[in-house]
Amino acid sequence: MIEVKNQQGKPVDWWFIYKTPEHTGSETNEGFDFLYFDPDVGALELSPTGLDKSNQALSHTLKGIFNAPESTGYLVYNDEHVDQEANKSGKGHCKGILAFDKSSDSALLLLHSTPRFPANKEFTLPDDEKIYGQTFICISLPDYQTANQIARQMLSQQNPQILTESSRLPSSLQDEEPLSLLFHGAEESESTKPSTLKFKSKGGKAFSLIAKSRKWGEDFWLDLVSPELKCDLVVETWRRGKVTPLKDDRSSSYDEDILTLDFKLAPDLSYQWHYTKDHAKWAVALKNNVNTLPWVCIADINRMVSQEKRGGASLCFQDSQLWQALRNAEEQLHKPNPTVSC
């Protein structure tokens, strides 16, 4: 049985983790402090255990995958190998794990932002990523077939680089199944149009997996996610290069890039950092006269012109508590102006 595990190692429908950059919160933070949210907790809270320890949700979940019986399969994908010479630049800017077990009709999807992770079935964060913020979201899928549907979308859109040395296919998998085709790097025609795969978690929560291929050639956030959700967005991603100017966007009336983050967890405890210390990829909806829905998107692709030639995706869903926590933490780079033309 493939299951998402919470902080105590118990099954949970889904969770979200925000790893903080080193030396935020306190000088003793070595880059392993993280904020944790799941529907049972109902709030974004500081974990008492760091990501370098074993008794936390990410470790519990990964152990359940890598130590599972032979009937379990998992596809680990990342745009960066530990061996940099093995990287394929034409592959998508995608990071995650798709795990599945046909015999128990169970599966999960873990989408994250950390390069070279996990490597060789070990889940220690790379040393040079401690300085950056990173995001992780893990969802219990309703069944095995949903994992195949996600694999099918990946074949035509994201085109992920599969880390075969960290992945495993069970003997029960048929050659023509999308999961098998994805593992073996089957050559499929990448779509020139984006797609949205809608599904519900095992617990019934609605998610939209919005994806685009390298052949689409437009800004993922401004030209796809924002109009797909019919809302304006506040976006936080890695920005190290040319970014599509907001004034060039014609698909949404107003969007922002985040400049700084400040998670105030107590009167005397604050985790604050500049976007240059953040490798996370996420967005929240702006509530206004166009939208009142608490959309949250956790992704693996940045808002940069260079990313227009890479495949990638975002998991989008509605959650009032998580939306509020992320919205409270962001400080706007652009102040709302009704005369702004985007």
Protein backbone atom coordinates (compact mmCIF):
# COMPACT_ATOMS: atom_id res chain seq x y z
CA MET A 1 0.00 0.00 0.00
CA ILE A 2 1.43 3.36 -1.09
CA GLU A 3 0.50 6.12 1.36
CA VAL A 4 1.41 9.70 2.14
CA LYS A 5 2.70 9.85 5.73
CA ASN A 6 2.36 12.75 8.15
CA GLN A 7 4.81 14.03 10.77
CA GLN A 8 4.04 11.05 13.03
CA GLY A 9 4.33 8.50 10.22
CA LYS A 10 0.55 8.00 9.98
CA PRO A 11 -1.45 8.06 6.71
CA VAL A 12 -2.69 11.49 5.62
CA ASP A 13 -4.46 12.62 2.45
CA TRP A 14 -1.83 15.22 1.47
CA TRP A 15 0.76 17.58 2.92
CA PHE A 16 2.77 20.68 2.01
CA ILE A 17 6.30 21.50 3.19
CA TYR A 18 8.19 24.79 2.86
CA LYS A 19 11.89 24.37 3.68
CA THR A 20 13.44 27.61 4.89
CA PRO A 21 16.84 28.98 3.79
CA GLU A 22 19.73 28.54 6.22
CA HIS A 23 20.20 31.18 8.95
CA THR A 24 16.59 32.36 8.69
CA GLY A 25 14.59 32.31 11.91
CA SER A 26 17.86 31.96 13.82
CA GLU A 27 21.57 31.61 13.13
CA THR A 28 21.35 27.98 14.27
CA ASN A 29 19.08 27.09 11.35
CA GLU A 30 21.36 25.06 9.05
CA GLY A 31 18.80 25.08 6.26
CA PHE A 32 16.68 22.19 7.53
CA ASP A 33 13.94 24.09 9.41
CA PHE A 34 10.63 23.74 7.63
CA LEU A 35 6.99 24.78 7.78
CA TYR A 36 4.44 21.99 7.56
CA PHE A 37 0.75 21.85 6.61
CA ASP A 38 -1.74 19.04 6.19
CA PRO A 39 -5.56 19.05 6.32
CA ASP A 40 -5.61 17.50 9.78
CA VAL A 41 -3.26 20.13 11.23
CA GLY A 42 -5.12 22.94 9.46
CA ALA A 43 -2.34 25.52 9.87
CA LEU A 44 1.14 26.17 8.48
CA GLU A 45 3.36 25.40 11.46
CA LEU A 46 7.07 25.19 12.21
CA SER A 47 8.11 21.56 12.45
CA PRO A 48 9.84 20.58 15.71
CA THR A 49 12.07 18.28 13.62
CA GLY A 50 14.30 19.35 10.73
CA LEU A 51 14.47 17.76 7.28
CA ASP A 52 17.87 16.32 8.23
CA LYS A 53 16.13 14.03 10.75
CA SER A 54 14.16 10.86 10.11
CA ASN A 55 11.04 11.53 12.18
CA GLN A 56 9.23 13.92 9.85
CA ALA A 57 6.70 13.67 7.02
CA LEU A 58 9.06 13.71 4.02
CA SER A 59 11.29 11.01 5.49
CA HIS A 60 8.34 8.84 6.58
CA THR A 61 6.82 9.09 3.10
CA LEU A 62 10.03 8.33 1.20
CA LYS A 63 10.81 5.35 3.44
CA GLY A 64 7.36 4.00 2.65
CA ILE A 65 8.18 4.23 -1.06
CA PHE A 66 11.76 2.95 -1.17
CA ASN A 67 11.20 0.18 1.39
CA ALA A 68 7.95 -1.03 -0.19
CA PRO A 69 7.47 -4.60 -1.49
CA GLU A 70 8.50 -5.54 -5.03
CA SER A 71 4.93 -4.98 -6.22
CA THR A 72 5.51 -1.24 -5.77
CA GLY A 73 6.95 0.91 -8.53
CA TYR A 74 8.23 4.47 -8.45
CA LEU A 75 9.49 6.95 -11.01
CA VAL A 76 11.92 9.51 -9.64
CA TYR A 77 12.40 12.45 -11.99
CA ASN A 78 14.56 15.57 -11.78
CA ASP A 79 16.05 17.95 -14.34
CA GLU A 80 19.42 17.56 -12.56
CA HIS A 81 21.40 14.36 -12.06
CA VAL A 82 24.09 14.10 -9.39
CA ASP A 83 26.32 13.43 -12.40
CA GLN A 84 25.85 16.71 -14.27
CA GLU A 85 27.19 15.22 -17.49
CA ALA A 86 24.20 12.87 -17.57
CA ASN A 87 21.70 15.74 -17.79
CA LYS A 88 19.59 16.10 -20.94
CA SER A 89 18.85 19.77 -21.59
CA GLY A 90 15.83 18.98 -23.76
CA LYS A 91 13.99 17.37 -20.86
CA GLY A 92 11.47 19.23 -18.73
CA HIS A 93 12.19 21.43 -15.74
CA CYS A 94 10.43 18.88 -13.52
CA LYS A 95 11.12 17.37 -10.11
CA GLY A 96 9.17 14.74 -8.24
CA ILE A 97 8.21 11.13 -7.62
CA LEU A 98 5.29 9.16 -8.98
CA ALA A 99 4.83 6.00 -6.87
CA PHE A 100 2.26 3.25 -7.47
CA ASP A 101 1.17 -0.25 -6.50
CA LYS A 102 -1.24 -2.10 -8.78
CA SER A 103 -1.99 -4.90 -6.30
CA SER A 104 -3.30 -2.47 -3.65
CA ASP A 105 -4.65 0.03 -6.24
CA SER A 106 -2.74 2.85 -4.53
CA ALA A 107 -0.46 5.66 -5.66
CA LEU A 108 0.97 9.06 -4.71
CA LEU A 109 2.49 12.09 -6.39
CA LEU A 110 5.29 14.11 -4.79
CA LEU A 111 6.13 17.36 -6.60
CA HIS A 112 9.03 19.49 -5.35
CA SER A 113 11.66 22.08 -6.29
CA THR A 114 14.98 20.59 -5.07
CA PRO A 115 17.68 19.72 -7.64
CA ARG A 116 19.39 16.28 -7.48
CA PHE A 117 16.85 14.99 -4.97
CA PRO A 118 16.32 12.26 -4.03
CA ALA A 119 19.46 10.59 -5.40
CA ASN A 120 20.19 6.85 -5.43
CA LYS A 121 17.21 6.17 -3.14
CA GLU A 122 18.74 8.37 -0.45
CA PHE A 123 16.85 11.41 0.67
CA THR A 124 19.48 13.71 2.13
CA LEU A 125 19.22 17.22 0.73
CA PRO A 126 22.21 18.34 -1.38
CA ASP A 127 24.60 20.48 0.67
CA ASP A 128 24.48 23.40 -1.75
CA GLU A 129 20.67 23.59 -1.51
CA LYS A 130 20.62 24.34 2.22
CA ILE A 131 20.88 28.06 1.57
CA TYR A 132 17.63 28.15 -0.41
CA GLY A 133 13.94 27.83 0.32
CA GLN A 134 12.28 24.78 -1.29
CA THR A 135 8.69 23.55 -1.59
CA PHE A 136 7.25 20.01 -1.51
CA ILE A 137 3.69 18.79 -1.95
CA CYS A 138 2.64 15.15 -1.66
CA ILE A 139 -0.82 13.79 -2.53
CA SER A 140 -2.45 10.39 -2.00
CA LEU A 141 -3.89 9.53 -5.40
CA PRO A 142 -7.29 7.81 -5.51
CA ASP A 143 -6.05 4.76 -7.43
CA TYR A 144 -3.40 3.22 -9.61
CA GLN A 145 -5.03 4.39 -12.83
CA THR A 146 -4.67 8.05 -11.83
CA ALA A 147 -0.91 7.52 -11.70
CA ASN A 148 -1.10 6.25 -15.29
CA GLN A 149 -3.11 9.32 -16.29
CA ILE A 150 -0.44 11.58 -14.80
CA ALA A 151 2.26 9.59 -16.60
CA ARG A 152 0.36 10.03 -19.87
CA GLN A 153 0.28 13.81 -19.37
CA MET A 154 3.99 13.80 -18.57
CA LEU A 155 4.75 12.00 -21.84
CA SER A 156 3.02 14.68 -23.91
CA GLN A 157 3.81 17.74 -21.79
CA GLN A 158 6.46 17.79 -19.07
CA ASN A 159 8.85 15.26 -20.68
CA PRO A 160 10.67 14.66 -17.37
CA GLN A 161 14.20 13.32 -17.00
CA ILE A 162 13.73 9.98 -15.22
CA LEU A 163 16.47 9.06 -12.76
CA THR A 164 16.41 5.36 -13.61
CA GLU A 165 19.04 4.53 -10.99
CA SER A 166 16.62 5.75 -8.32
CA SER A 167 13.46 4.33 -9.90
CA ARG A 168 11.86 0.89 -10.05
CA LEU A 169 9.30 -0.84 -12.24
CA PRO A 170 7.39 -3.87 -10.91
CA SER A 171 7.03 -6.96 -13.10
CA SER A 172 3.25 -6.50 -13.14
CA LEU A 173 3.55 -3.37 -15.29
CA GLN A 174 2.59 -3.88 -18.94
CA ASP A 175 4.91 -2.49 -21.62
CA GLU A 176 2.21 -0.30 -23.17
CA GLU A 177 1.18 1.38 -19.91
CA PRO A 178 2.14 5.08 -19.71
CA LEU A 179 4.11 4.45 -16.50
CA SER A 180 6.29 1.94 -18.33
CA LEU A 181 6.67 4.16 -21.40
CA LEU A 182 7.72 7.06 -19.19
CA PHE A 183 10.36 4.99 -17.38
CA HIS A 184 11.86 3.73 -20.63
CA GLY A 185 11.98 7.19 -22.19
CA ALA A 186 9.55 6.41 -24.99
CA GLU A 187 9.69 8.95 -27.80
CA GLU A 188 6.31 10.64 -27.89
CA SER A 189 5.24 13.74 -29.76
CA GLU A 190 5.19 16.63 -27.29
CA SER A 191 2.03 18.69 -27.45
CA THR A 192 2.04 22.24 -28.77
CA LYS A 193 -0.92 22.99 -26.51
CA PRO A 194 -0.93 22.84 -22.67
CA SER A 195 -3.27 20.53 -20.79
CA THR A 196 -5.00 20.37 -17.41
CA LEU A 197 -5.55 17.03 -15.69
CA LYS A 198 -8.21 17.25 -13.01
CA PHE A 199 -8.38 14.58 -10.33
CA LYS A 200 -9.31 14.10 -6.70
CA SER A 201 -7.07 12.86 -3.94
CA LYS A 202 -7.88 9.66 -2.12
CA GLY A 203 -9.67 11.79 0.46
CA GLY A 204 -11.70 13.61 -2.18
CA LYS A 205 -9.85 16.94 -2.50
CA ALA A 206 -9.89 18.40 -6.00
CA PHE A 207 -6.57 19.13 -7.74
CA SER A 208 -5.69 20.46 -11.18
CA LEU A 209 -2.34 19.46 -12.67
CA ILE A 210 -1.64 22.21 -15.20
CA ALA A 211 1.21 21.37 -17.58
CA LYS A 212 2.93 22.65 -20.71
CA SER A 213 5.63 21.34 -23.03
CA ARG A 214 8.74 23.07 -24.36
CA LYS A 215 6.93 23.45 -27.70
CA TRP A 216 4.25 25.78 -26.35
CA GLY A 217 6.67 28.68 -25.95
CA GLU A 218 4.83 31.14 -23.68
CA ASP A 219 5.04 32.22 -20.04
CA PHE A 220 3.76 29.40 -17.84
CA TRP A 221 2.34 31.61 -15.09
CA LEU A 222 1.03 34.63 -16.99
CA ASP A 223 -0.25 32.93 -20.10
CA LEU A 224 -1.40 29.56 -18.75
CA VAL A 225 -2.02 29.21 -15.01
CA SER A 226 -3.58 32.64 -14.47
CA PRO A 227 -6.15 32.37 -17.30
CA GLU A 228 -6.79 28.67 -16.57
CA LEU A 229 -7.80 29.51 -12.98
CA LYS A 230 -9.47 32.76 -14.06
CA CYS A 231 -7.63 34.75 -11.41
CA ASP A 232 -4.68 37.08 -10.94
CA LEU A 233 -1.64 35.63 -9.17
CA VAL A 234 1.11 36.49 -6.74
CA VAL A 235 4.03 34.35 -7.93
CA GLU A 236 7.19 33.23 -6.15
CA THR A 237 9.81 31.41 -8.25
CA TRP A 238 13.54 31.32 -8.91
CA ARG A 239 14.33 34.41 -11.00
CA ARG A 240 17.89 34.51 -12.37
CA GLY A 241 17.58 35.95 -15.84
CA LYS A 242 15.14 37.68 -18.13
CA VAL A 243 11.54 37.62 -16.92
CA THR A 244 8.56 38.26 -19.17
CA PRO A 245 7.53 41.86 -18.40
CA LEU A 246 4.12 42.13 -16.83
CA LYS A 247 3.16 44.86 -19.28
CA ASP A 248 3.60 42.39 -22.14
CA ASP A 249 1.03 40.03 -20.67
CA ARG A 250 -2.43 40.16 -22.22
CA SER A 251 -4.07 37.27 -20.42
CA SER A 252 -4.66 38.70 -16.95
CA SER A 253 -5.42 42.14 -15.59
CA TYR A 254 -2.88 42.10 -12.78
CA ASP A 255 -0.08 39.82 -11.60
CA GLU A 256 2.88 40.23 -9.21
CA ASP A 257 6.27 38.74 -8.47
CA ILE A 258 7.22 38.35 -4.83
CA LEU A 259 10.17 40.35 -3.49
CA THR A 260 10.46 39.12 0.11
CA LEU A 261 8.79 36.61 2.41
CA ASP A 262 8.16 36.91 6.13
CA PHE A 263 6.55 34.06 8.06
CA LYS A 264 5.68 35.43 11.52
CA LEU A 265 5.16 32.33 13.65
CA ALA A 266 5.21 34.00 17.07
CA PRO A 267 5.76 37.49 18.49
CA ASP A 268 9.48 36.74 18.78
CA LEU A 269 9.93 34.28 15.88
CA SER A 270 10.04 35.29 12.23
CA TYR A 271 11.42 33.52 9.17
CA GLN A 272 12.19 36.20 6.60
CA TRP A 273 14.11 36.00 3.33
CA HIS A 274 14.57 37.70 -0.03
CA TYR A 275 13.45 35.94 -3.21
CA THR A 276 17.10 35.46 -4.21
CA LYS A 277 17.36 32.95 -1.34
CA ASP A 278 14.33 31.01 -2.56
CA HIS A 279 14.31 28.17 -5.07
CA ALA A 280 10.63 27.38 -4.42
CA LYS A 281 7.96 27.68 -7.11
CA TRP A 282 4.45 28.62 -6.02
CA ALA A 283 1.63 31.10 -6.42
CA VAL A 284 -1.53 32.23 -4.67
CA ALA A 285 -4.57 33.91 -6.15
CA LEU A 286 -5.33 37.55 -5.57
CA LYS A 287 -8.84 37.92 -4.24
CA ASN A 288 -10.53 40.83 -5.98
CA ASN A 289 -13.65 41.66 -7.99
CA VAL A 290 -12.61 38.99 -10.51
CA ASN A 291 -11.85 36.13 -8.09
CA THR A 292 -12.77 35.24 -4.52
CA LEU A 293 -11.41 31.68 -4.50
CA PRO A 294 -8.38 30.68 -2.34
CA TRP A 295 -6.26 29.14 -5.10
CA VAL A 296 -2.83 27.79 -4.19
CA CYS A 297 -0.38 26.46 -6.81
CA ILE A 298 2.79 24.47 -6.05
CA ALA A 299 4.99 23.96 -9.09
CA ASP A 300 8.35 22.88 -10.48
CA ILE A 301 8.87 25.58 -13.12
CA ASN A 302 10.04 29.20 -12.83
CA ARG A 303 8.74 32.45 -14.26
CA MET A 304 11.67 33.18 -16.58
CA VAL A 305 11.89 33.58 -20.34
CA SER A 306 14.35 30.67 -20.51
CA GLN A 307 11.69 28.39 -19.02
CA GLU A 308 9.40 28.98 -21.97
CA LYS A 309 11.46 26.32 -23.75
CA ARG A 310 11.11 23.78 -20.92
CA GLY A 311 8.24 21.52 -19.93
CA GLY A 312 6.80 21.79 -16.44
CA ALA A 313 3.68 21.74 -14.31
CA SER A 314 1.85 23.06 -11.28
CA LEU A 315 -0.55 21.43 -8.84
CA CYS A 316 -3.35 23.90 -8.14
CA PHE A 317 -6.07 23.55 -5.51
CA GLN A 318 -8.22 25.58 -3.15
CA ASP A 319 -7.40 25.75 0.55
CA SER A 320 -8.30 28.77 2.67
CA GLN A 321 -5.87 28.12 5.53
CA LEU A 322 -2.80 27.51 3.37
CA TRP A 323 -3.74 30.36 1.03
CA GLN A 324 -3.96 32.76 3.97
CA ALA A 325 -0.62 31.64 5.42
CA LEU A 326 1.23 32.13 2.14
CA ARG A 327 -0.58 35.38 1.36
CA ASN A 328 0.28 36.77 4.78
CA ALA A 329 3.97 35.95 4.25
CA GLU A 330 4.47 37.65 0.92
CA GLU A 331 5.40 41.30 0.52
CA GLN A 332 4.42 42.76 -2.81
CA LEU A 333 6.94 43.96 -5.33
CA HIS A 334 4.23 45.83 -7.21
CA LYS A 335 1.59 47.84 -5.39
CA PRO A 336 -1.97 47.40 -6.73
CA ASN A 337 -2.79 50.04 -9.31
CA PRO A 338 -6.08 49.88 -11.18
CA THR A 339 -4.51 51.67 -14.16
CA VAL A 340 -1.81 49.03 -14.69
CA SER A 341 -2.02 47.53 -18.19
CA CYS A 342 -0.88 43.93 -18.34
